Amino acid sequence: YIGEDTVVSRDKDVILSADKVVLPGVGSFGDAMEKLRDYDLIDTINKVVENNTPFLGICLGLQLLFESSDETPGVEGLGILKGEVCRIPDQEGFKIPHMGWNSIERVDSHMFPVDLEGKYVYFVHSYYVPECKYTTAVTDYIQPFSAALHKDNFYATQFHLEKSGKVGESILT
């Protein structure tokens, strides 16, 4: 849709030869880590880190970058980013999963090609990453949390770029 040639693959050689890598996310932390192990992709993702290839994690793809998640205690994440993914706490009047449009409140502009302060993006998730040293944008749903992260060649969004209209498209292009 945005004019990029894309290849969907779990082939190590294809991934390692890519100009950019995207780790999308739908599903659960434990199941996704099991699939990454089954397909022998953990070492491949670590080589993407070493090769300094631009990498984008979306939603669960962001969460998998961390060491662990409340969603599946005892299952190790990729550990590329230090920290733990937490469950959104229950609070009367709020639904979990968090589904819908929320505005981005604070933005470290070096991550994004356009000004996103106050822009609305689309979320679907029950788990979040607390604000940390990698946080480049914040959203508030029950409490503030990381909406986007950046470290070296790794970028990640908790929100779904592909569902966030022109705002998501502007980040992808």
C-alpha atoms as a PDB file:
ATOM      1  CA  TYR A   1       0.000   0.000   0.000  1.00  0.00           C
ATOM      2  CA  ILE A   2       2.823   2.449   0.787  1.00  0.00           C
ATOM      3  CA  GLY A   3       4.877   1.411  -2.220  1.00  0.00           C
ATOM      4  CA  GLU A   4       7.419  -0.794  -0.464  1.00  0.00           C
ATOM      5  CA  ASP A   5       8.411  -4.222  -1.705  1.00  0.00           C
ATOM      6  CA  THR A   6       7.755  -6.616   1.155  1.00  0.00           C
ATOM      7  CA  VAL A   7       8.532 -10.248   1.802  1.00  0.00           C
ATOM      8  CA  VAL A   8       6.897 -12.262   4.573  1.00  0.00           C
ATOM      9  CA  SER A   9       9.376 -14.887   5.675  1.00  0.00           C
ATOM     10  CA  ARG A  10      10.749 -16.960   8.494  1.00  0.00           C
ATOM     11  CA  ASP A  11      13.766 -17.946   6.396  1.00  0.00           C
ATOM     12  CA  LYS A  12      16.961 -16.836   8.160  1.00  0.00           C
ATOM     13  CA  ASP A  13      18.803 -15.937   4.960  1.00  0.00           C
ATOM     14  CA  VAL A  14      15.911 -13.860   3.659  1.00  0.00           C
ATOM     15  CA  ILE A  15      15.624 -11.986   6.972  1.00  0.00           C
ATOM     16  CA  LEU A  16      19.362 -11.371   7.244  1.00  0.00           C
ATOM     17  CA  SER A  17      19.550 -10.050   3.688  1.00  0.00           C
ATOM     18  CA  ALA A  18      16.623  -7.641   4.193  1.00  0.00           C
ATOM     19  CA  ASP A  19      17.180  -3.873   4.169  1.00  0.00           C
ATOM     20  CA  LYS A  20      14.696  -3.549   7.057  1.00  0.00           C
ATOM     21  CA  VAL A  21      12.990  -6.073   9.331  1.00  0.00           C
ATOM     22  CA  VAL A  22       9.523  -5.852  10.895  1.00  0.00           C
ATOM     23  CA  LEU A  23       8.381  -8.094  13.743  1.00  0.00           C
ATOM     24  CA  PRO A  24       4.591  -7.716  13.844  1.00  0.00           C
ATOM     25  CA  GLY A  25       2.570  -8.789  16.782  1.00  0.00           C
ATOM     26  CA  VAL A  26      -0.722 -10.511  17.320  1.00  0.00           C
ATOM     27  CA  GLY A  27      -1.068 -13.246  19.898  1.00  0.00           C
ATOM     28  CA  SER A  28       0.543 -14.039  23.212  1.00  0.00           C
ATOM     29  CA  PHE A  29       4.079 -13.559  24.501  1.00  0.00           C
ATOM     30  CA  GLY A  30       4.672 -17.220  25.355  1.00  0.00           C
ATOM     31  CA  ASP A  31       3.295 -18.583  22.080  1.00  0.00           C
ATOM     32  CA  ALA A  32       5.264 -16.062  20.028  1.00  0.00           C
ATOM     33  CA  MET A  33       8.535 -16.858  21.823  1.00  0.00           C
ATOM     34  CA  GLU A  34       7.865 -20.577  21.304  1.00  0.00           C
ATOM     35  CA  LYS A  35       7.387 -19.984  17.552  1.00  0.00           C
ATOM     36  CA  LEU A  36      10.582 -17.891  17.368  1.00  0.00           C
ATOM     37  CA  ARG A  37      12.421 -20.802  19.039  1.00  0.00           C
ATOM     38  CA  ASP A  38      10.733 -23.453  16.864  1.00  0.00           C
ATOM     39  CA  TYR A  39      11.711 -21.589  13.693  1.00  0.00           C
ATOM     40  CA  ASP A  40      15.223 -20.888  15.065  1.00  0.00           C
ATOM     41  CA  LEU A  41      14.744 -17.123  14.668  1.00  0.00           C
ATOM     42  CA  ILE A  42      16.102 -15.892  18.001  1.00  0.00           C
ATOM     43  CA  ASP A  43      19.712 -16.055  16.771  1.00  0.00           C
ATOM     44  CA  THR A  44      18.569 -14.480  13.503  1.00  0.00           C
ATOM     45  CA  ILE A  45      17.044 -11.516  15.346  1.00  0.00           C
ATOM     46  CA  ASN A  46      20.244 -11.181  17.395  1.00  0.00           C
ATOM     47  CA  LYS A  47      22.206 -11.079  14.119  1.00  0.00           C
ATOM     48  CA  VAL A  48      19.886  -8.296  12.927  1.00  0.00           C
ATOM     49  CA  VAL A  49      21.009  -6.420  16.070  1.00  0.00           C
ATOM     50  CA  GLU A  50      24.684  -7.106  15.322  1.00  0.00           C
ATOM     51  CA  ASN A  51      24.287  -6.116  11.660  1.00  0.00           C
ATOM     52  CA  ASN A  52      22.633  -2.834  12.662  1.00  0.00           C
ATOM     53  CA  THR A  53      19.733  -3.525  10.269  1.00  0.00           C
ATOM     54  CA  PRO A  54      16.763  -1.207  10.898  1.00  0.00           C
ATOM     55  CA  PHE A  55      14.200  -3.191  12.899  1.00  0.00           C
ATOM     56  CA  LEU A  56      10.609  -2.333  13.784  1.00  0.00           C
ATOM     57  CA  GLY A  57       8.551  -4.178  16.392  1.00  0.00           C
ATOM     58  CA  ILE A  58       4.798  -3.587  16.385  1.00  0.00           C
ATOM     59  CA  CYS A  59       2.568  -4.334  19.427  1.00  0.00           C
ATOM     60  CA  LEU A  60       3.573  -7.844  20.566  1.00  0.00           C
ATOM     61  CA  GLY A  61       6.665  -7.330  18.376  1.00  0.00           C
ATOM     62  CA  LEU A  62       7.607  -4.520  20.791  1.00  0.00           C
ATOM     63  CA  GLN A  63       6.915  -6.648  23.868  1.00  0.00           C
ATOM     64  CA  LEU A  64       9.009  -9.581  22.640  1.00  0.00           C
ATOM     65  CA  LEU A  65      12.089  -7.344  22.653  1.00  0.00           C
ATOM     66  CA  PHE A  66      12.017  -7.348  26.471  1.00  0.00           C
ATOM     67  CA  GLU A  67      13.287  -9.897  28.987  1.00  0.00           C
ATOM     68  CA  SER A  68       9.923 -11.166  30.269  1.00  0.00           C
ATOM     69  CA  SER A  69       6.184 -10.566  30.444  1.00  0.00           C
ATOM     70  CA  ASP A  70       3.464 -10.913  33.067  1.00  0.00           C
ATOM     71  CA  GLU A  71       1.465 -12.626  30.323  1.00  0.00           C
ATOM     72  CA  THR A  72       3.600 -15.769  30.467  1.00  0.00           C
ATOM     73  CA  PRO A  73       5.664 -15.925  33.675  1.00  0.00           C
ATOM     74  CA  GLY A  74       8.856 -17.941  33.333  1.00  0.00           C
ATOM     75  CA  VAL A  75       9.156 -17.470  29.573  1.00  0.00           C
ATOM     76  CA  GLU A  76      12.197 -15.475  28.493  1.00  0.00           C
ATOM     77  CA  GLY A  77      11.788 -12.780  25.881  1.00  0.00           C
ATOM     78  CA  LEU A  78      14.446 -11.727  23.402  1.00  0.00           C
ATOM     79  CA  GLY A  79      16.138  -9.550  26.050  1.00  0.00           C
ATOM     80  CA  ILE A  80      17.298  -6.968  23.505  1.00  0.00           C
ATOM     81  CA  LEU A  81      15.752  -4.317  25.741  1.00  0.00           C
ATOM     82  CA  LYS A  82      16.038  -4.619  29.520  1.00  0.00           C
ATOM     83  CA  GLY A  83      12.826  -4.714  31.493  1.00  0.00           C
ATOM     84  CA  GLU A  84       9.516  -6.495  31.922  1.00  0.00           C
ATOM     85  CA  VAL A  85       6.179  -6.222  30.167  1.00  0.00           C
ATOM     86  CA  CYS A  86       3.335  -5.684  32.673  1.00  0.00           C
ATOM     87  CA  ARG A  87      -0.397  -6.386  32.612  1.00  0.00           C
ATOM     88  CA  ILE A  88      -2.649  -3.343  32.397  1.00  0.00           C
ATOM     89  CA  PRO A  89      -4.214  -3.119  35.872  1.00  0.00           C
ATOM     90  CA  ASP A  90      -7.965  -3.500  36.248  1.00  0.00           C
ATOM     91  CA  GLN A  91      -9.786  -0.266  36.979  1.00  0.00           C
ATOM     92  CA  GLU A  92     -13.498   0.371  37.101  1.00  0.00           C
ATOM     93  CA  GLY A  93     -14.754   2.106  33.971  1.00  0.00           C
ATOM     94  CA  PHE A  94     -11.874   0.879  31.784  1.00  0.00           C
ATOM     95  CA  LYS A  95     -11.973  -2.159  29.522  1.00  0.00           C
ATOM     96  CA  ILE A  96      -9.123  -4.585  29.027  1.00  0.00           C
ATOM     97  CA  PRO A  97      -7.877  -5.183  26.435  1.00  0.00           C
ATOM     98  CA  HIS A  98      -7.246  -1.533  25.705  1.00  0.00           C
ATOM     99  CA  MET A  99      -8.761  -1.196  22.230  1.00  0.00           C
ATOM    100  CA  GLY A 100      -9.146   2.047  20.404  1.00  0.00           C
ATOM    101  CA  TRP A 101      -7.672   5.411  19.637  1.00  0.00           C
ATOM    102  CA  ASN A 102      -5.484   7.265  22.126  1.00  0.00           C
ATOM    103  CA  SER A 103      -3.321  10.321  21.733  1.00  0.00           C
ATOM    104  CA  ILE A 104       0.441  10.329  22.059  1.00  0.00           C
ATOM    105  CA  GLU A 105       1.325  12.687  24.886  1.00  0.00           C
ATOM    106  CA  ARG A 106       5.086  13.127  24.843  1.00  0.00           C
ATOM    107  CA  VAL A 107       7.342  12.545  21.908  1.00  0.00           C
ATOM    108  CA  ASP A 108      11.092  12.379  21.523  1.00  0.00           C
ATOM    109  CA  SER A 109      11.047  13.652  17.959  1.00  0.00           C
ATOM    110  CA  HIS A 110      14.155  11.820  16.697  1.00  0.00           C
ATOM    111  CA  MET A 111      12.127   8.608  16.436  1.00  0.00           C
ATOM    112  CA  PHE A 112       9.376   9.917  14.226  1.00  0.00           C
ATOM    113  CA  PRO A 113       9.537  11.571  10.791  1.00  0.00           C
ATOM    114  CA  VAL A 114       6.575  13.823  11.646  1.00  0.00           C
ATOM    115  CA  ASP A 115       5.315  15.652  14.716  1.00  0.00           C
ATOM    116  CA  LEU A 116       3.064  13.209  16.552  1.00  0.00           C
ATOM    117  CA  GLU A 117       2.420  15.221  19.697  1.00  0.00           C
ATOM    118  CA  GLY A 118      -1.318  14.962  20.402  1.00  0.00           C
ATOM    119  CA  LYS A 119      -1.987  12.743  17.368  1.00  0.00           C
ATOM    120  CA  TYR A 120      -4.272   9.734  17.739  1.00  0.00           C
ATOM    121  CA  VAL A 121      -3.086   6.177  17.079  1.00  0.00           C
ATOM    122  CA  TYR A 122      -4.783   2.794  17.411  1.00  0.00           C
ATOM    123  CA  PHE A 123      -4.070   0.333  20.248  1.00  0.00           C
ATOM    124  CA  VAL A 124      -5.138  -3.273  20.889  1.00  0.00           C
ATOM    125  CA  HIS A 125      -3.348  -4.773  23.924  1.00  0.00           C
ATOM    126  CA  SER A 126      -3.653  -6.013  27.507  1.00  0.00           C
ATOM    127  CA  TYR A 127       0.043  -5.661  28.400  1.00  0.00           C
ATOM    128  CA  TYR A 128       2.355  -2.660  28.330  1.00  0.00           C
ATOM    129  CA  VAL A 129       5.914  -1.522  28.869  1.00  0.00           C
ATOM    130  CA  PRO A 130       6.312   1.059  31.653  1.00  0.00           C
ATOM    131  CA  GLU A 131       8.163   4.230  30.787  1.00  0.00           C
ATOM    132  CA  CYS A 132      11.873   3.435  30.613  1.00  0.00           C
ATOM    133  CA  LYS A 133      15.109   4.761  29.156  1.00  0.00           C
ATOM    134  CA  TYR A 134      14.059   3.525  25.690  1.00  0.00           C
ATOM    135  CA  THR A 135      10.693   5.353  25.747  1.00  0.00           C
ATOM    136  CA  THR A 136      10.266   7.901  22.963  1.00  0.00           C
ATOM    137  CA  ALA A 137       6.486   8.403  23.180  1.00  0.00           C
ATOM    138  CA  VAL A 138       3.925   7.960  25.948  1.00  0.00           C
ATOM    139  CA  THR A 139       0.194   7.271  26.043  1.00  0.00           C
ATOM    140  CA  ASP A 140      -2.092   7.153  29.049  1.00  0.00           C
ATOM    141  CA  TYR A 141      -4.698   4.440  29.590  1.00  0.00           C
ATOM    142  CA  ILE A 142      -5.301   3.895  33.297  1.00  0.00           C
ATOM    143  CA  GLN A 143      -1.674   4.969  33.707  1.00  0.00           C
ATOM    144  CA  PRO A 144       1.103   6.309  31.456  1.00  0.00           C
ATOM    145  CA  PHE A 145       3.011   3.704  29.425  1.00  0.00           C
ATOM    146  CA  SER A 146       5.470   3.502  26.546  1.00  0.00           C
ATOM    147  CA  ALA A 147       3.725   3.991  23.201  1.00  0.00           C
ATOM    148  CA  ALA A 148       7.006   3.884  21.269  1.00  0.00           C
ATOM    149  CA  LEU A 149      10.592   2.884  22.002  1.00  0.00           C
ATOM    150  CA  HIS A 150      13.988   3.257  20.383  1.00  0.00           C
ATOM    151  CA  LYS A 151      17.434   1.778  20.959  1.00  0.00           C
ATOM    152  CA  ASP A 152      20.171   1.792  18.334  1.00  0.00           C
ATOM    153  CA  ASN A 153      18.694   0.216  15.180  1.00  0.00           C
ATOM    154  CA  PHE A 154      15.558  -0.980  17.013  1.00  0.00           C
ATOM    155  CA  TYR A 155      12.288   0.940  16.886  1.00  0.00           C
ATOM    156  CA  ALA A 156       9.017  -0.284  18.325  1.00  0.00           C
ATOM    157  CA  THR A 157       5.453   0.871  18.788  1.00  0.00           C
ATOM    158  CA  GLN A 158       2.811  -0.493  21.136  1.00  0.00           C
ATOM    159  CA  PHE A 159       0.199   0.947  18.798  1.00  0.00           C
ATOM    160  CA  HIS A 160      -0.616  -0.586  15.435  1.00  0.00           C
ATOM    161  CA  LEU A 161       0.879   1.537  12.658  1.00  0.00           C
ATOM    162  CA  GLU A 162      -1.125  -0.339  10.043  1.00  0.00           C
ATOM    163  CA  LYS A 163      -4.393   0.616  11.782  1.00  0.00           C
ATOM    164  CA  SER A 164      -3.444   4.200  12.660  1.00  0.00           C
ATOM    165  CA  GLY A 165      -4.415   5.840   9.373  1.00  0.00           C
ATOM    166  CA  LYS A 166      -2.303   8.664   7.982  1.00  0.00           C
ATOM    167  CA  VAL A 167      -0.310   8.909  11.223  1.00  0.00           C
ATOM    168  CA  GLY A 168       0.805   5.264  11.003  1.00  0.00           C
ATOM    169  CA  GLU A 169       1.466   5.615   7.294  1.00  0.00           C
ATOM    170  CA  SER A 170       3.672   8.664   7.884  1.00  0.00           C
ATOM    171  CA  ILE A 171       5.855   6.631  10.262  1.00  0.00           C
ATOM    172  CA  LEU A 172       6.138   3.710   7.853  1.00  0.00           C
ATOM    173  CA  THR A 173       7.158   5.845   4.884  1.00  0.00           C
END
